[in-house]
Protein backbone atom coordinates (compact mmCIF):
# COMPACT_ATOMS: atom_id res chain seq x y z
CA UNK A 1 -20.16 16.43 6.92
CA UNK A 2 -17.26 14.24 8.04
CA UNK A 3 -14.19 13.88 5.85
CA UNK A 4 -14.20 11.01 3.40
CA UNK A 5 -12.56 7.85 4.75
CA UNK A 6 -9.26 6.87 3.18
CA UNK A 7 -8.81 3.46 1.59
CA UNK A 8 -5.18 3.09 2.67
CA UNK A 9 -3.17 4.58 5.52
CA UNK A 10 0.18 4.01 7.18
CA UNK A 11 1.18 3.65 10.81
CA UNK A 12 3.91 5.95 12.17
CA UNK A 13 6.37 3.03 11.94
CA UNK A 14 5.53 2.54 8.25
CA UNK A 15 5.85 6.27 7.59
CA UNK A 16 9.31 6.25 9.21
CA UNK A 17 10.47 3.30 7.09
CA UNK A 18 9.11 4.93 3.93
CA UNK A 19 11.10 8.09 4.77
CA UNK A 20 14.23 5.99 5.30
CA UNK A 21 13.76 4.18 1.99
CA UNK A 22 13.10 7.46 0.18
CA UNK A 23 16.42 8.84 1.48
CA UNK A 24 18.25 5.87 -0.01
CA UNK A 25 16.24 5.20 -3.19
CA UNK A 26 14.43 8.44 -4.05
CA UNK A 27 10.68 8.53 -4.65
CA UNK A 28 8.85 5.23 -4.11
CA UNK A 29 5.46 3.68 -4.81
CA UNK A 30 3.58 0.70 -3.41
CA UNK A 31 1.71 -2.14 -5.03
CA UNK A 32 -0.37 -4.56 -2.99
CA UNK A 33 0.95 -7.94 -4.03
CA UNK A 34 -1.50 -10.66 -4.88
CA UNK A 35 0.46 -13.73 -3.99
CA UNK A 36 3.19 -15.77 -5.66
CA UNK A 37 6.65 -15.32 -4.15
CA UNK A 38 5.84 -12.69 -1.55
CA UNK A 39 2.32 -13.65 -0.49
CA UNK A 40 0.06 -10.65 -0.13
CA UNK A 41 2.65 -8.17 1.10
CA UNK A 42 2.61 -4.50 0.23
CA UNK A 43 5.59 -4.14 -2.09
CA UNK A 44 7.68 -0.94 -2.18
CA UNK A 45 9.54 -0.01 -5.37
CA UNK A 46 11.55 2.92 -6.70
CA UNK A 47 9.04 4.97 -8.66
CA UNK A 48 10.82 4.27 -11.98
CA UNK A 49 11.31 0.53 -11.40
CA UNK A 50 7.68 -0.60 -11.43
CA UNK A 51 5.30 -0.23 -14.33
CA UNK A 52 1.80 0.41 -13.07
CA UNK A 53 -0.72 -1.48 -15.20
CA UNK A 54 -3.54 0.32 -16.99
CA UNK A 55 -6.08 -1.51 -14.85
CA UNK A 56 -4.23 -1.15 -11.53
CA UNK A 57 -6.22 0.93 -9.07
CA UNK A 58 -4.68 3.75 -7.06
CA UNK A 59 -6.11 3.47 -3.54
CA UNK A 60 -4.42 6.62 -2.28
CA UNK A 61 -1.09 7.75 -0.87
CA UNK A 62 0.84 6.85 2.25
CA UNK A 63 3.62 9.16 3.40
CA UNK A 64 3.58 10.76 -0.05
CA UNK A 65 3.94 7.45 -1.91
CA UNK A 66 1.16 6.37 -4.28
CA UNK A 67 -0.40 3.01 -3.39
CA UNK A 68 -1.77 0.72 -6.13
CA UNK A 69 -3.61 -2.58 -6.17
CA UNK A 70 -4.52 -4.96 -8.98
CA UNK A 71 -8.20 -5.27 -9.94
CA UNK A 72 -8.35 -8.88 -8.72
CA UNK A 73 -6.91 -7.95 -5.33
CA UNK A 74 -9.23 -4.94 -5.12
CA UNK A 75 -12.21 -7.29 -5.53
CA UNK A 76 -11.04 -9.06 -2.39
CA UNK A 77 -10.06 -5.94 -0.38
CA UNK A 78 -12.67 -3.39 -1.59
CA UNK A 79 -14.71 -3.42 1.62
CA UNK A 80 -11.71 -2.78 3.84
CA UNK A 81 -9.36 -0.01 4.80
CA UNK A 82 -5.77 -1.16 4.32
CA UNK A 83 -3.47 -0.21 7.17
CA UNK A 84 0.18 -0.50 6.20
CA UNK A 85 2.36 -1.33 9.19
CA UNK A 86 5.92 -2.48 9.82
CA UNK A 87 7.05 -5.52 11.77
CA UNK A 88 10.43 -7.13 12.38
CA UNK A 89 11.35 -9.64 9.72
CA UNK A 90 12.53 -10.04 6.18
CA UNK A 91 10.81 -7.97 3.51
CA UNK A 92 9.57 -9.24 0.18
CA UNK A 93 12.44 -10.30 -2.04
CA UNK A 94 11.68 -7.55 -4.57
CA UNK A 95 10.55 -4.89 -2.09
CA UNK A 96 12.93 -2.12 -1.03
CA UNK A 97 12.71 -2.86 2.69
CA UNK A 98 14.32 -6.26 2.15
CA UNK A 99 17.58 -6.28 4.11
CA UNK A 100 16.52 -3.64 6.65
CA UNK A 101 15.37 -6.17 9.25
CA UNK A 102 11.84 -4.79 8.86
CA UNK A 103 8.99 -5.62 6.52
CA UNK A 104 5.77 -3.95 5.51
CA UNK A 105 2.59 -5.73 6.54
CA UNK A 106 -1.00 -5.10 5.48
CA UNK A 107 -3.57 -5.04 8.23
CA UNK A 108 -7.18 -4.23 7.47
CA UNK A 109 -10.52 -3.36 8.95
CA UNK A 110 -13.96 -3.41 7.38
CA UNK A 111 -15.48 -0.08 6.47
CA UNK A 112 -18.72 0.71 8.24
CA UNK A 113 -21.74 1.13 5.98
CA UNK A 114 -21.65 4.91 6.58
CA UNK A 115 -17.96 5.03 5.59
CA UNK A 116 -18.53 2.89 2.52
CA UNK A 117 -21.16 5.32 1.26
CA UNK A 118 -18.71 8.23 1.58
CA UNK A 119 -15.72 6.66 -0.19
CA UNK A 120 -14.11 8.68 -2.96
CA UNK A 121 -14.11 7.40 -6.54
CA UNK A 122 -11.06 5.42 -7.62
CA UNK A 123 -8.55 6.04 -10.42
CA UNK A 124 -6.75 3.45 -12.55
CA UNK A 125 -3.19 3.23 -13.86
């Protein structure tokens, strides 16, 4: 049987930026933002500077950093694989990449029906 599909993954450029941020800030985590000030950007925080909510869903890990999403955002994104990439630009005002000249960006693709049936169970908070 094929390996289970992952719900979130990072491009090599995103992995490199995560490594850079980890060198400066220590361990980090991600939370898929749901709007407001930073739109729907993946936000990167020092692991001790963001309180994960009890209902937040852990989608997986990228480059060793846990990746969370709120239940309302998960409703919207649940049928897709999130692909975290990096582009030139200004990061979210509260996200660690702000000031690097790069920003994280969420791309996505729909899971196939076969992939959807093989997804792993999710964990909260």
